[in-house]
PDB file of N, CA and C in Angstrom:
ATOM      1  N   UNK A   1       5.777  59.308  55.980  1.00  0.00           N
ATOM      2  CA  UNK A   1       5.123  58.757  55.358  1.00  0.00           C
ATOM      3  C   UNK A   1       5.926  57.911  54.392  1.00  0.00           C
ATOM      4  N   UNK A   2       5.305  56.386  54.094  1.00  0.00           N
ATOM      5  CA  UNK A   2       6.153  55.710  53.112  1.00  0.00           C
ATOM      6  C   UNK A   2       5.442  55.195  51.763  1.00  0.00           C
ATOM      7  N   UNK A   3       6.320  55.526  50.720  1.00  0.00           N
ATOM      8  CA  UNK A   3       5.617  55.319  49.514  1.00  0.00           C
ATOM      9  C   UNK A   3       6.299  54.394  48.735  1.00  0.00           C
ATOM     10  N   UNK A   4       5.450  53.614  48.488  1.00  0.00           N
ATOM     11  CA  UNK A   4       5.472  52.126  47.323  1.00  0.00           C
ATOM     12  C   UNK A   4       6.208  52.518  46.018  1.00  0.00           C
ATOM     13  N   UNK A   5       7.170  52.051  45.379  1.00  0.00           N
ATOM     14  CA  UNK A   5       7.673  52.347  44.127  1.00  0.00           C
ATOM     15  C   UNK A   5       6.556  52.225  43.351  1.00  0.00           C
ATOM     16  N   UNK A   6       6.045  52.698  42.364  1.00  0.00           N
ATOM     17  CA  UNK A   6       4.853  52.915  41.244  1.00  0.00           C
ATOM     18  C   UNK A   6       5.040  51.345  40.685  1.00  0.00           C
ATOM     19  N   UNK A   7       3.822  50.515  40.379  1.00  0.00           N
ATOM     20  CA  UNK A   7       4.156  49.529  39.593  1.00  0.00           C
ATOM     21  C   UNK A   7       4.280  49.612  38.340  1.00  0.00           C
ATOM     22  N   UNK A   8       5.158  48.942  37.928  1.00  0.00           N
ATOM     23  CA  UNK A   8       5.526  48.962  36.883  1.00  0.00           C
ATOM     24  C   UNK A   8       4.667  48.067  35.550  1.00  0.00           C
ATOM     25  N   UNK A   9       4.336  48.711  34.630  1.00  0.00           N
ATOM     26  CA  UNK A   9       3.421  47.453  33.606  1.00  0.00           C
ATOM     27  C   UNK A   9       3.702  46.450  33.203  1.00  0.00           C
ATOM     28  N   UNK A  10       3.478  45.310  33.337  1.00  0.00           N
ATOM     29  CA  UNK A  10       3.878  43.843  32.676  1.00  0.00           C
ATOM     30  C   UNK A  10       4.017  43.756  31.394  1.00  0.00           C
ATOM     31  N   UNK A  11       4.901  43.564  31.166  1.00  0.00           N
ATOM     32  CA  UNK A  11       5.229  43.443  29.556  1.00  0.00           C
ATOM     33  C   UNK A  11       4.657  42.003  29.007  1.00  0.00           C
ATOM     34  N   UNK A  12       4.096  41.883  27.910  1.00  0.00           N
ATOM     35  CA  UNK A  12       3.462  40.524  27.590  1.00  0.00           C
ATOM     36  C   UNK A  12       4.848  40.009  26.625  1.00  0.00           C
ATOM     37  N   UNK A  13       4.724  38.480  27.049  1.00  0.00           N
ATOM     38  CA  UNK A  13       6.063  38.023  26.129  1.00  0.00           C
ATOM     39  C   UNK A  13       5.871  38.314  24.829  1.00  0.00           C
ATOM     40  N   UNK A  14       7.249  38.531  23.965  1.00  0.00           N
ATOM     41  CA  UNK A  14       7.172  38.315  22.841  1.00  0.00           C
ATOM     42  C   UNK A  14       6.972  36.833  21.913  1.00  0.00           C
ATOM     43  N   UNK A  15       6.000  36.952  20.913  1.00  0.00           N
ATOM     44  CA  UNK A  15       5.778  35.500  20.316  1.00  0.00           C
ATOM     45  C   UNK A  15       6.606  35.411  19.061  1.00  0.00           C
ATOM     46  N   UNK A  16       7.619  36.467  18.393  1.00  0.00           N
ATOM     47  CA  UNK A  16       8.371  36.185  17.952  1.00  0.00           C
ATOM     48  C   UNK A  16       9.359  34.728  17.738  1.00  0.00           C
ATOM     49  N   UNK A  17      10.342  34.923  19.001  1.00  0.00           N
ATOM     50  CA  UNK A  17      10.591  33.707  18.608  1.00  0.00           C
ATOM     51  C   UNK A  17      10.032  32.222  19.032  1.00  0.00           C
ATOM     52  N   UNK A  18       8.836  32.367  19.417  1.00  0.00           N
ATOM     53  CA  UNK A  18       8.189  30.871  19.234  1.00  0.00           C
ATOM     54  C   UNK A  18       8.045  30.675  17.580  1.00  0.00           C
ATOM     55  N   UNK A  19       7.110  31.794  16.771  1.00  0.00           N
ATOM     56  CA  UNK A  19       6.610  31.659  15.838  1.00  0.00           C
ATOM     57  C   UNK A  19       8.413  31.357  14.532  1.00  0.00           C
ATOM     58  N   UNK A  20       9.358  31.874  14.962  1.00  0.00           N
ATOM     59  CA  UNK A  20      10.855  31.603  14.368  1.00  0.00           C
ATOM     60  C   UNK A  20      11.014  30.129  14.460  1.00  0.00           C
ATOM     61  N   UNK A  21      10.443  29.172  15.753  1.00  0.00           N
ATOM     62  CA  UNK A  21      10.830  28.273  15.850  1.00  0.00           C
ATOM     63  C   UNK A  21       9.915  27.352  15.099  1.00  0.00           C
ATOM     64  N   UNK A  22       8.643  27.880  15.095  1.00  0.00           N
ATOM     65  CA  UNK A  22       7.437  27.046  13.948  1.00  0.00           C
ATOM     66  C   UNK A  22       7.944  26.618  12.804  1.00  0.00           C
ATOM     67  N   UNK A  23       8.692  27.745  12.182  1.00  0.00           N
ATOM     68  CA  UNK A  23       8.940  28.127  10.990  1.00  0.00           C
ATOM     69  C   UNK A  23      10.182  27.165  10.715  1.00  0.00           C
ATOM     70  N   UNK A  24      11.196  27.063  11.398  1.00  0.00           N
ATOM     71  CA  UNK A  24      12.024  26.331  11.160  1.00  0.00           C
ATOM     72  C   UNK A  24      11.665  24.798  11.257  1.00  0.00           C
ATOM     73  N   UNK A  25      10.884  24.453  12.156  1.00  0.00           N
ATOM     74  CA  UNK A  25      10.361  23.214  12.214  1.00  0.00           C
ATOM     75  C   UNK A  25       9.529  22.839  11.052  1.00  0.00           C
ATOM     76  N   UNK A  26       8.969  23.890  10.710  1.00  0.00           N
ATOM     77  CA  UNK A  26       7.998  23.378   9.198  1.00  0.00           C
ATOM     78  C   UNK A  26       9.140  23.123   8.006  1.00  0.00           C
ATOM     79  N   UNK A  27      10.215  23.691   7.957  1.00  0.00           N
ATOM     80  CA  UNK A  27      11.182  23.854   6.925  1.00  0.00           C
ATOM     81  C   UNK A  27      11.713  22.472   6.914  1.00  0.00           C
ATOM     82  N   UNK A  28      11.967  22.440   8.437  1.00  0.00           N
ATOM     83  CA  UNK A  28      12.536  20.830   8.375  1.00  0.00           C
ATOM     84  C   UNK A  28      11.938  19.676   8.011  1.00  0.00           C
ATOM     85  N   UNK A  29      10.641  19.709   8.530  1.00  0.00           N
ATOM     86  CA  UNK A  29      10.067  18.792   8.293  1.00  0.00           C
ATOM     87  C   UNK A  29       9.543  18.468   6.813  1.00  0.00           C
ATOM     88  N   UNK A  30       9.780  19.437   6.167  1.00  0.00           N
ATOM     89  CA  UNK A  30       9.291  19.483   4.423  1.00  0.00           C
ATOM     90  C   UNK A  30      10.562  19.215   3.751  1.00  0.00           C
ATOM     91  N   UNK A  31      11.914  19.463   4.316  1.00  0.00           N
ATOM     92  CA  UNK A  31      12.521  18.909   3.509  1.00  0.00           C
ATOM     93  C   UNK A  31      13.324  17.784   4.130  1.00  0.00           C
ATOM     94  N   UNK A  32      12.931  17.182   5.277  1.00  0.00           N
ATOM     95  CA  UNK A  32      13.282  15.798   5.625  1.00  0.00           C
ATOM     96  C   UNK A  32      12.435  14.789   5.060  1.00  0.00           C
ATOM     97  N   UNK A  33      11.006  15.410   4.774  1.00  0.00           N
ATOM     98  CA  UNK A  33      10.330  14.358   4.051  1.00  0.00           C
ATOM     99  C   UNK A  33      10.448  13.389   3.257  1.00  0.00           C
ATOM    100  N   UNK A  34      10.071  12.625   2.359  1.00  0.00           N
ATOM    101  CA  UNK A  34      10.162  11.855   1.062  1.00  0.00           C
ATOM    102  C   UNK A  34       8.771  12.096   0.404  1.00  0.00           C
ATOM    103  N   UNK A  35       8.447  13.067  -0.635  1.00  0.00           N
ATOM    104  CA  UNK A  35       7.051  13.113  -1.720  1.00  0.00           C
ATOM    105  C   UNK A  35       7.391  12.542  -2.843  1.00  0.00           C
ATOM    106  N   UNK A  36       6.789  11.126  -2.762  1.00  0.00           N
ATOM    107  CA  UNK A  36       7.307  10.307  -4.157  1.00  0.00           C
ATOM    108  C   UNK A  36       6.384   8.622  -3.762  1.00  0.00           C
ATOM    109  N   UNK A  37       6.146   8.108  -4.721  1.00  0.00           N
ATOM    110  CA  UNK A  37       6.248   6.755  -4.370  1.00  0.00           C
ATOM    111  C   UNK A  37       7.316   6.183  -4.090  1.00  0.00           C
ATOM    112  N   UNK A  38       7.299   5.131  -3.187  1.00  0.00           N
ATOM    113  CA  UNK A  38       8.114   3.846  -2.473  1.00  0.00           C
ATOM    114  C   UNK A  38       8.457   2.849  -3.621  1.00  0.00           C
ATOM    115  N   UNK A  39       7.103   2.423  -4.057  1.00  0.00           N
ATOM    116  CA  UNK A  39       7.220   1.172  -5.036  1.00  0.00           C
ATOM    117  C   UNK A  39       5.877   1.165  -5.508  1.00  0.00           C
ATOM    118  N   UNK A  40       6.148   0.961  -7.229  1.00  0.00           N
ATOM    119  CA  UNK A  40       5.211   0.607  -8.239  1.00  0.00           C
ATOM    120  C   UNK A  40       4.791  -1.005  -8.276  1.00  0.00           C
ATOM    121  N   UNK A  41       3.542  -1.002  -8.128  1.00  0.00           N
ATOM    122  CA  UNK A  41       3.060  -2.778  -8.740  1.00  0.00           C
ATOM    123  C   UNK A  41       2.597  -2.732  -9.838  1.00  0.00           C
ATOM    124  N   UNK A  42       3.254  -2.708 -10.920  1.00  0.00           N
ATOM    125  CA  UNK A  42       2.407  -2.857 -12.096  1.00  0.00           C
ATOM    126  C   UNK A  42       1.268  -4.201 -12.031  1.00  0.00           C
ATOM    127  N   UNK A  43       0.398  -3.133 -12.517  1.00  0.00           N
ATOM    128  CA  UNK A  43      -1.094  -4.644 -12.929  1.00  0.00           C
ATOM    129  C   UNK A  43      -1.493  -4.065 -14.168  1.00  0.00           C
ATOM    130  N   UNK A  44      -2.054  -4.800 -15.130  1.00  0.00           N
ATOM    131  CA  UNK A  44      -2.376  -4.706 -16.521  1.00  0.00           C
ATOM    132  C   UNK A  44      -4.016  -4.314 -15.993  1.00  0.00           C
ATOM    133  N   UNK A  45      -4.718  -3.424 -16.603  1.00  0.00           N
ATOM    134  CA  UNK A  45      -5.944  -2.792 -16.695  1.00  0.00           C
ATOM    135  C   UNK A  45      -6.561  -4.137 -17.427  1.00  0.00           C
ATOM    136  N   UNK A  46      -7.648  -4.835 -17.051  1.00  0.00           N
ATOM    137  CA  UNK A  46      -8.033  -5.405 -17.943  1.00  0.00           C
ATOM    138  C   UNK A  46      -9.689  -4.943 -18.536  1.00  0.00           C
ATOM    139  N   UNK A  47      -9.152  -4.034 -19.569  1.00  0.00           N
ATOM    140  CA  UNK A  47     -10.290  -3.060 -19.993  1.00  0.00           C
ATOM    141  C   UNK A  47     -10.704  -4.054 -20.792  1.00  0.00           C
ATOM    142  N   UNK A  48     -12.098  -4.132 -21.205  1.00  0.00           N
ATOM    143  CA  UNK A  48     -12.852  -4.846 -22.406  1.00  0.00           C
ATOM    144  C   UNK A  48     -12.670  -6.234 -22.388  1.00  0.00           C
ATOM    145  N   UNK A  49     -12.464  -6.803 -21.311  1.00  0.00           N
ATOM    146  CA  UNK A  49     -12.283  -8.238 -21.140  1.00  0.00           C
ATOM    147  C   UNK A  49     -11.683  -8.973 -22.216  1.00  0.00           C
ATOM    148  N   UNK A  50     -10.180  -9.004 -21.972  1.00  0.00           N
ATOM    149  CA  UNK A  50      -9.556  -9.769 -22.764  1.00  0.00           C
ATOM    150  C   UNK A  50      -9.567 -11.181 -23.018  1.00  0.00           C
ATOM    151  N   UNK A  51      -8.680 -11.667 -23.555  1.00  0.00           N
ATOM    152  CA  UNK A  51      -9.110 -13.039 -23.657  1.00  0.00           C
ATOM    153  C   UNK A  51      -8.630 -13.905 -22.882  1.00  0.00           C
ATOM    154  N   UNK A  52      -9.241 -14.921 -22.356  1.00  0.00           N
ATOM    155  CA  UNK A  52      -8.778 -15.570 -21.268  1.00  0.00           C
ATOM    156  C   UNK A  52      -9.388 -16.792 -21.800  1.00  0.00           C
ATOM    157  N   UNK A  53      -8.450 -18.139 -21.557  1.00  0.00           N
ATOM    158  CA  UNK A  53      -8.696 -19.475 -22.107  1.00  0.00           C
ATOM    159  C   UNK A  53      -7.890 -20.062 -20.870  1.00  0.00           C
ATOM    160  N   UNK A  54      -8.549 -21.188 -20.931  1.00  0.00           N
ATOM    161  CA  UNK A  54      -7.482 -22.453 -20.243  1.00  0.00           C
ATOM    162  C   UNK A  54      -8.963 -22.692 -19.010  1.00  0.00           C
ATOM    163  N   UNK A  55      -8.276 -23.489 -17.812  1.00  0.00           N
ATOM    164  CA  UNK A  55      -9.230 -23.565 -17.028  1.00  0.00           C
ATOM    165  C   UNK A  55      -8.911 -22.381 -16.129  1.00  0.00           C
ATOM    166  N   UNK A  56      -9.908 -22.327 -15.292  1.00  0.00           N
ATOM    167  CA  UNK A  56     -10.175 -21.113 -14.193  1.00  0.00           C
ATOM    168  C   UNK A  56      -8.947 -21.343 -13.572  1.00  0.00           C
ATOM    169  N   UNK A  57      -8.397 -19.792 -13.457  1.00  0.00           N
ATOM    170  CA  UNK A  57      -7.943 -19.498 -12.354  1.00  0.00           C
ATOM    171  C   UNK A  57      -7.827 -18.382 -11.228  1.00  0.00           C
ATOM    172  N   UNK A  58      -8.935 -18.626 -10.490  1.00  0.00           N
ATOM    173  CA  UNK A  58      -9.196 -17.550  -9.460  1.00  0.00           C
ATOM    174  C   UNK A  58      -8.797 -17.810  -8.034  1.00  0.00           C
ATOM    175  N   UNK A  59      -7.661 -17.176  -7.586  1.00  0.00           N
ATOM    176  CA  UNK A  59      -6.863 -16.990  -6.572  1.00  0.00           C
ATOM    177  C   UNK A  59      -7.545 -15.919  -5.524  1.00  0.00           C
ATOM    178  N   UNK A  60      -8.562 -16.470  -4.288  1.00  0.00           N
ATOM    179  CA  UNK A  60      -8.947 -16.049  -3.398  1.00  0.00           C
ATOM    180  C   UNK A  60      -8.154 -15.378  -2.414  1.00  0.00           C
ATOM    181  N   UNK A  61      -7.797 -14.064  -2.113  1.00  0.00           N
ATOM    182  CA  UNK A  61      -6.858 -13.790  -0.852  1.00  0.00           C
ATOM    183  C   UNK A  61      -7.657 -13.730   0.290  1.00  0.00           C
ATOM    184  N   UNK A  62      -7.646 -14.736   1.528  1.00  0.00           N
ATOM    185  CA  UNK A  62      -8.200 -14.164   2.345  1.00  0.00           C
ATOM    186  C   UNK A  62      -7.353 -13.700   3.753  1.00  0.00           C
ATOM    187  N   UNK A  63      -7.670 -13.506   4.636  1.00  0.00           N
ATOM    188  CA  UNK A  63      -6.458 -13.054   6.040  1.00  0.00           C
ATOM    189  C   UNK A  63      -5.778 -14.458   6.506  1.00  0.00           C
ATOM    190  N   UNK A  64      -6.279 -15.253   6.067  1.00  0.00           N
ATOM    191  CA  UNK A  64      -5.677 -16.762   6.930  1.00  0.00           C
ATOM    192  C   UNK A  64      -5.477 -17.547   6.222  1.00  0.00           C
ATOM    193  N   UNK A  65      -5.884 -17.915   4.786  1.00  0.00           N
ATOM    194  CA  UNK A  65      -5.481 -18.558   3.907  1.00  0.00           C
ATOM    195  C   UNK A  65      -5.641 -18.161   2.285  1.00  0.00           C
ATOM    196  N   UNK A  66      -5.076 -18.737   1.396  1.00  0.00           N
ATOM    197  CA  UNK A  66      -5.074 -18.679  -0.336  1.00  0.00           C
ATOM    198  C   UNK A  66      -6.031 -19.989  -0.319  1.00  0.00           C
ATOM    199  N   UNK A  67      -6.668 -19.539  -1.838  1.00  0.00           N
ATOM    200  CA  UNK A  67      -7.403 -20.590  -2.251  1.00  0.00           C
ATOM    201  C   UNK A  67      -7.307 -20.581  -3.634  1.00  0.00           C
ATOM    202  N   UNK A  68      -7.442 -21.752  -4.111  1.00  0.00           N
ATOM    203  CA  UNK A  68      -7.258 -21.668  -5.797  1.00  0.00           C
ATOM    204  C   UNK A  68      -8.425 -22.501  -6.119  1.00  0.00           C
ATOM    205  N   UNK A  69      -9.133 -21.238  -7.008  1.00  0.00           N
ATOM    206  CA  UNK A  69     -10.523 -21.997  -7.334  1.00  0.00           C
ATOM    207  C   UNK A  69     -11.341 -22.742  -6.522  1.00  0.00           C
ATOM    208  N   UNK A  70     -11.528 -22.055  -5.115  1.00  0.00           N
ATOM    209  CA  UNK A  70     -12.093 -22.400  -4.174  1.00  0.00           C
ATOM    210  C   UNK A  70     -11.475 -23.409  -3.098  1.00  0.00           C
ATOM    211  N   UNK A  71     -10.244 -24.155  -3.624  1.00  0.00           N
ATOM    212  CA  UNK A  71      -9.775 -25.175  -2.876  1.00  0.00           C
ATOM    213  C   UNK A  71      -8.530 -24.597  -2.284  1.00  0.00           C
ATOM    214  N   UNK A  72      -8.333 -25.098  -0.766  1.00  0.00           N
ATOM    215  CA  UNK A  72      -7.323 -24.365  -0.041  1.00  0.00           C
ATOM    216  C   UNK A  72      -5.940 -24.714  -0.478  1.00  0.00           C
ATOM    217  N   UNK A  73      -4.914 -23.819  -0.523  1.00  0.00           N
ATOM    218  CA  UNK A  73      -3.539 -24.128  -1.494  1.00  0.00           C
ATOM    219  C   UNK A  73      -2.453 -23.843  -0.458  1.00  0.00           C
ATOM    220  N   UNK A  74      -1.442 -24.068  -0.304  1.00  0.00           N
ATOM    221  CA  UNK A  74      -0.549 -23.981   0.786  1.00  0.00           C
ATOM    222  C   UNK A  74       0.781 -23.589  -0.217  1.00  0.00           C
ATOM    223  N   UNK A  75       1.031 -23.968  -1.323  1.00  0.00           N
ATOM    224  CA  UNK A  75       2.119 -23.268  -2.261  1.00  0.00           C
ATOM    225  C   UNK A  75       1.152 -23.210  -3.381  1.00  0.00           C
ATOM    226  N   UNK A  76       1.055 -21.462  -3.327  1.00  0.00           N
ATOM    227  CA  UNK A  76       0.381 -20.990  -4.695  1.00  0.00           C
ATOM    228  C   UNK A  76       0.966 -21.816  -6.206  1.00  0.00           C
ATOM    229  N   UNK A  77       1.997 -21.333  -6.375  1.00  0.00           N
ATOM    230  CA  UNK A  77       2.829 -21.537  -7.627  1.00  0.00           C
ATOM    231  C   UNK A  77       2.575 -23.010  -8.055  1.00  0.00           C
ATOM    232  N   UNK A  78       3.122 -23.735  -7.018  1.00  0.00           N
ATOM    233  CA  UNK A  78       3.309 -25.242  -7.501  1.00  0.00           C
ATOM    234  C   UNK A  78       1.542 -25.260  -8.128  1.00  0.00           C
ATOM    235  N   UNK A  79       0.725 -25.084  -7.047  1.00  0.00           N
ATOM    236  CA  UNK A  79      -1.113 -25.332  -7.383  1.00  0.00           C
ATOM    237  C   UNK A  79      -1.345 -24.638  -8.617  1.00  0.00           C
ATOM    238  N   UNK A  80      -0.948 -23.933  -9.217  1.00  0.00           N
ATOM    239  CA  UNK A  80      -1.273 -22.932 -10.410  1.00  0.00           C
ATOM    240  C   UNK A  80      -0.324 -23.768 -11.808  1.00  0.00           C
ATOM    241  N   UNK A  81       0.770 -24.032 -11.441  1.00  0.00           N
ATOM    242  CA  UNK A  81       1.517 -24.813 -12.695  1.00  0.00           C
ATOM    243  C   UNK A  81       0.738 -25.819 -13.574  1.00  0.00           C
ATOM    244  N   UNK A  82      -0.113 -26.476 -12.877  1.00  0.00           N
ATOM    245  CA  UNK A  82      -0.639 -27.493 -13.909  1.00  0.00           C
ATOM    246  C   UNK A  82      -1.820 -26.923 -14.914  1.00  0.00           C
ATOM    247  N   UNK A  83      -2.673 -25.609 -14.200  1.00  0.00           N
ATOM    248  CA  UNK A  83      -3.165 -24.849 -14.819  1.00  0.00           C
ATOM    249  C   UNK A  83      -2.799 -23.660 -15.793  1.00  0.00           C
ATOM    250  N   UNK A  84      -1.490 -23.776 -16.018  1.00  0.00           N
ATOM    251  CA  UNK A  84      -0.894 -23.130 -16.773  1.00  0.00           C
ATOM    252  C   UNK A  84      -0.307 -23.602 -18.083  1.00  0.00           C
ATOM    253  N   UNK A  85      -0.884 -23.005 -19.317  1.00  0.00           N
ATOM    254  CA  UNK A  85      -0.159 -23.544 -20.643  1.00  0.00           C
ATOM    255  C   UNK A  85       1.050 -22.570 -21.028  1.00  0.00           C
ATOM    256  N   UNK A  86       1.181 -21.401 -20.347  1.00  0.00           N
ATOM    257  CA  UNK A  86       2.179 -20.430 -20.904  1.00  0.00           C
ATOM    258  C   UNK A  86       2.484 -19.426 -19.434  1.00  0.00           C
ATOM    259  N   UNK A  87       3.420 -18.699 -19.303  1.00  0.00           N
ATOM    260  CA  UNK A  87       3.874 -17.762 -18.163  1.00  0.00           C
ATOM    261  C   UNK A  87       2.448 -16.506 -18.041  1.00  0.00           C
ATOM    262  N   UNK A  88       2.195 -16.261 -19.871  1.00  0.00           N
ATOM    263  CA  UNK A  88       1.026 -14.970 -20.069  1.00  0.00           C
ATOM    264  C   UNK A  88      -0.101 -15.310 -19.936  1.00  0.00           C
ATOM    265  N   UNK A  89      -0.737 -16.664 -19.672  1.00  0.00           N
ATOM    266  CA  UNK A  89      -1.722 -17.064 -19.439  1.00  0.00           C
ATOM    267  C   UNK A  89      -2.510 -15.842 -17.721  1.00  0.00           C
ATOM    268  N   UNK A  90      -3.641 -15.881 -17.959  1.00  0.00           N
ATOM    269  CA  UNK A  90      -4.216 -14.531 -16.766  1.00  0.00           C
ATOM    270  C   UNK A  90      -4.870 -15.135 -15.884  1.00  0.00           C
ATOM    271  N   UNK A  91      -4.332 -14.652 -14.732  1.00  0.00           N
ATOM    272  CA  UNK A  91      -4.397 -15.143 -13.235  1.00  0.00           C
ATOM    273  C   UNK A  91      -5.417 -14.619 -12.398  1.00  0.00           C
ATOM    274  N   UNK A  92      -6.774 -14.518 -11.727  1.00  0.00           N
ATOM    275  CA  UNK A  92      -7.429 -13.418 -11.408  1.00  0.00           C
ATOM    276  C   UNK A  92      -7.323 -13.691  -9.871  1.00  0.00           C
ATOM    277  N   UNK A  93      -6.838 -12.330  -9.513  1.00  0.00           N
ATOM    278  CA  UNK A  93      -6.865 -12.208  -8.097  1.00  0.00           C
ATOM    279  C   UNK A  93      -7.951 -11.871  -7.597  1.00  0.00           C
ATOM    280  N   UNK A  94      -8.598 -12.337  -6.052  1.00  0.00           N
ATOM    281  CA  UNK A  94      -9.389 -11.403  -5.501  1.00  0.00           C
ATOM    282  C   UNK A  94      -9.488 -11.571  -4.049  1.00  0.00           C
ATOM    283  N   UNK A  95      -9.548  -9.940  -3.472  1.00  0.00           N
ATOM    284  CA  UNK A  95      -9.424  -9.678  -2.188  1.00  0.00           C
ATOM    285  C   UNK A  95     -10.550 -10.307  -1.348  1.00  0.00           C
ATOM    286  N   UNK A  96     -10.624 -11.246  -0.373  1.00  0.00           N
ATOM    287  CA  UNK A  96     -11.574 -11.367   0.542  1.00  0.00           C
ATOM    288  C   UNK A  96     -11.824 -10.449   1.494  1.00  0.00           C
ATOM    289  N   UNK A  97     -12.882 -10.342   2.327  1.00  0.00           N
ATOM    290  CA  UNK A  97     -13.543  -9.387   3.549  1.00  0.00           C
ATOM    291  C   UNK A  97     -12.410  -9.425   4.280  1.00  0.00           C
ATOM    292  N   UNK A  98     -11.803  -8.404   4.900  1.00  0.00           N
ATOM    293  CA  UNK A  98     -11.201  -8.451   6.224  1.00  0.00           C
ATOM    294  C   UNK A  98      -9.276  -8.335   5.476  1.00  0.00           C
ATOM    295  N   UNK A  99      -8.879  -8.424   4.269  1.00  0.00           N
ATOM    296  CA  UNK A  99      -7.548  -8.753   3.969  1.00  0.00           C
ATOM    297  C   UNK A  99      -7.292  -7.477   3.574  1.00  0.00           C
ATOM    298  N   UNK A 100      -5.946  -7.420   4.093  1.00  0.00           N
ATOM    299  CA  UNK A 100      -5.380  -6.032   3.998  1.00  0.00           C
ATOM    300  C   UNK A 100      -4.461  -5.942   2.987  1.00  0.00           C
ATOM    301  N   UNK A 101      -4.261  -4.570   2.342  1.00  0.00           N
ATOM    302  CA  UNK A 101      -3.687  -4.362   0.695  1.00  0.00           C
ATOM    303  C   UNK A 101      -2.281  -5.439   0.653  1.00  0.00           C
ATOM    304  N   UNK A 102      -1.824  -5.117   2.014  1.00  0.00           N
ATOM    305  CA  UNK A 102      -0.133  -5.591   1.754  1.00  0.00           C
ATOM    306  C   UNK A 102       0.145  -6.990   1.725  1.00  0.00           C
ATOM    307  N   UNK A 103      -1.273  -8.122   2.054  1.00  0.00           N
ATOM    308  CA  UNK A 103      -0.806  -9.138   2.081  1.00  0.00           C
ATOM    309  C   UNK A 103      -1.700  -9.529   0.404  1.00  0.00           C
ATOM    310  N   UNK A 104      -2.480  -8.611  -0.531  1.00  0.00           N
ATOM    311  CA  UNK A 104      -2.596  -8.739  -1.810  1.00  0.00           C
ATOM    312  C   UNK A 104      -1.249  -8.578  -2.482  1.00  0.00           C
ATOM    313  N   UNK A 105      -0.335  -7.228  -1.963  1.00  0.00           N
ATOM    314  CA  UNK A 105       0.419  -6.895  -2.964  1.00  0.00           C
ATOM    315  C   UNK A 105       1.804  -8.148  -2.822  1.00  0.00           C
ATOM    316  N   UNK A 106       1.909  -8.977  -1.513  1.00  0.00           N
ATOM    317  CA  UNK A 106       2.855  -9.658  -1.169  1.00  0.00           C
ATOM    318  C   UNK A 106       2.689 -11.286  -2.354  1.00  0.00           C
ATOM    319  N   UNK A 107       1.191 -11.016  -2.591  1.00  0.00           N
ATOM    320  CA  UNK A 107       0.765 -12.790  -2.999  1.00  0.00           C
ATOM    321  C   UNK A 107       0.998 -12.245  -4.715  1.00  0.00           C
ATOM    322  N   UNK A 108       1.078 -11.002  -5.179  1.00  0.00           N
ATOM    323  CA  UNK A 108       1.148 -10.794  -6.415  1.00  0.00           C
ATOM    324  C   UNK A 108       2.711 -10.804  -6.857  1.00  0.00           C
ATOM    325  N   UNK A 109       3.735 -10.074  -5.697  1.00  0.00           N
ATOM    326  CA  UNK A 109       5.200 -10.033  -5.728  1.00  0.00           C
ATOM    327  C   UNK A 109       5.826 -11.583  -5.960  1.00  0.00           C
ATOM    328  N   UNK A 110       5.216 -12.629  -5.298  1.00  0.00           N
ATOM    329  CA  UNK A 110       5.477 -13.576  -5.246  1.00  0.00           C
ATOM    330  C   UNK A 110       5.218 -14.530  -6.874  1.00  0.00           C
ATOM    331  N   UNK A 111       3.858 -14.158  -7.366  1.00  0.00           N
ATOM    332  CA  UNK A 111       3.487 -14.943  -9.066  1.00  0.00           C
ATOM    333  C   UNK A 111       4.479 -14.082  -9.527  1.00  0.00           C
ATOM    334  N   UNK A 112       4.764 -12.760  -9.382  1.00  0.00           N
ATOM    335  CA  UNK A 112       5.692 -12.420 -10.085  1.00  0.00           C
ATOM    336  C   UNK A 112       7.081 -13.007 -10.321  1.00  0.00           C
ATOM    337  N   UNK A 113       7.304 -13.069  -8.988  1.00  0.00           N
ATOM    338  CA  UNK A 113       8.710 -13.510  -8.963  1.00  0.00           C
ATOM    339  C   UNK A 113       8.812 -14.946  -9.518  1.00  0.00           C
ATOM    340  N   UNK A 114       8.235 -15.305  -9.732  1.00  0.00           N
ATOM    341  CA  UNK A 114       7.760 -17.109 -10.412  1.00  0.00           C
ATOM    342  C   UNK A 114       7.380 -16.944 -11.932  1.00  0.00           C
ATOM    343  N   UNK A 115       7.512 -15.855 -12.443  1.00  0.00           N
ATOM    344  CA  UNK A 115       7.374 -15.479 -13.875  1.00  0.00           C
ATOM    345  C   UNK A 115       6.275 -15.275 -14.406  1.00  0.00           C
ATOM    346  N   UNK A 116       5.148 -14.899 -13.639  1.00  0.00           N
ATOM    347  CA  UNK A 116       3.778 -15.302 -14.494  1.00  0.00           C
ATOM    348  C   UNK A 116       3.706 -13.718 -14.546  1.00  0.00           C
ATOM    349  N   UNK A 117       3.166 -13.392 -15.900  1.00  0.00           N
ATOM    350  CA  UNK A 117       2.619 -11.880 -16.046  1.00  0.00           C
ATOM    351  C   UNK A 117       1.524 -11.418 -16.280  1.00  0.00           C
ATOM    352  N   UNK A 118       0.414 -12.076 -16.097  1.00  0.00           N
ATOM    353  CA  UNK A 118      -0.645 -11.483 -16.428  1.00  0.00           C
ATOM    354  C   UNK A 118      -1.535 -11.803 -15.463  1.00  0.00           C
ATOM    355  N   UNK A 119      -1.362 -10.686 -14.361  1.00  0.00           N
ATOM    356  CA  UNK A 119      -2.154 -10.647 -13.126  1.00  0.00           C
ATOM    357  C   UNK A 119      -3.006  -9.467 -13.441  1.00  0.00           C
ATOM    358  N   UNK A 120      -4.378 -10.023 -13.028  1.00  0.00           N
ATOM    359  CA  UNK A 120      -5.088  -9.322 -13.030  1.00  0.00           C
ATOM    360  C   UNK A 120      -6.185  -9.258 -11.662  1.00  0.00           C
ATOM    361  N   UNK A 121      -6.037  -8.095 -10.808  1.00  0.00           N
ATOM    362  CA  UNK A 121      -6.834  -7.821  -9.442  1.00  0.00           C
ATOM    363  C   UNK A 121      -8.330  -7.291  -9.902  1.00  0.00           C
ATOM    364  N   UNK A 122      -8.958  -8.409  -8.867  1.00  0.00           N
ATOM    365  CA  UNK A 122     -10.542  -7.805  -9.322  1.00  0.00           C
ATOM    366  C   UNK A 122     -11.270  -7.675  -7.831  1.00  0.00           C
ATOM    367  N   UNK A 123     -12.093  -6.756  -7.947  1.00  0.00           N
ATOM    368  CA  UNK A 123     -12.813  -6.110  -6.547  1.00  0.00           C
ATOM    369  C   UNK A 123     -13.549  -7.010  -5.787  1.00  0.00           C
TER     370      UNK A 123
END
C-alpha cells in the first residue's frame, strides 16, 4: 500500500511587502511634487466701476484672432498706442467663446511688457 504525503495547506501570500511599497511610493510622490503657485498674474479688481476716460479700448481675444474695438489687429500694442493718453489708462480684455486661458494670459503679459498697467479682465 502506498501512502501519499498529506497535502500541506497552501499559504496565503503576505500583503505586508506590497503595503510597504505603496506607502513608499506615496511618500515619494508627496515629497517630489510641488504644492504652490507657479506664477501669479496680478489683475486689479474693478469693483465699483472705476473711472474710465478716453476712447473705448475693448480687446476681444478669440482663439484665432485679436480685435480692438471690433476691428482685427495684428500688432495690439501699436494699435492701442493712439488710443492711450497714459500707460495707466484702462484696457478691457474679453475672452471670446473657445479661447483658452493661456491665450488670455499671453496677451495680458504682452500688454504688461509694453508698459500698460491698468488691465481689466471681464467675462
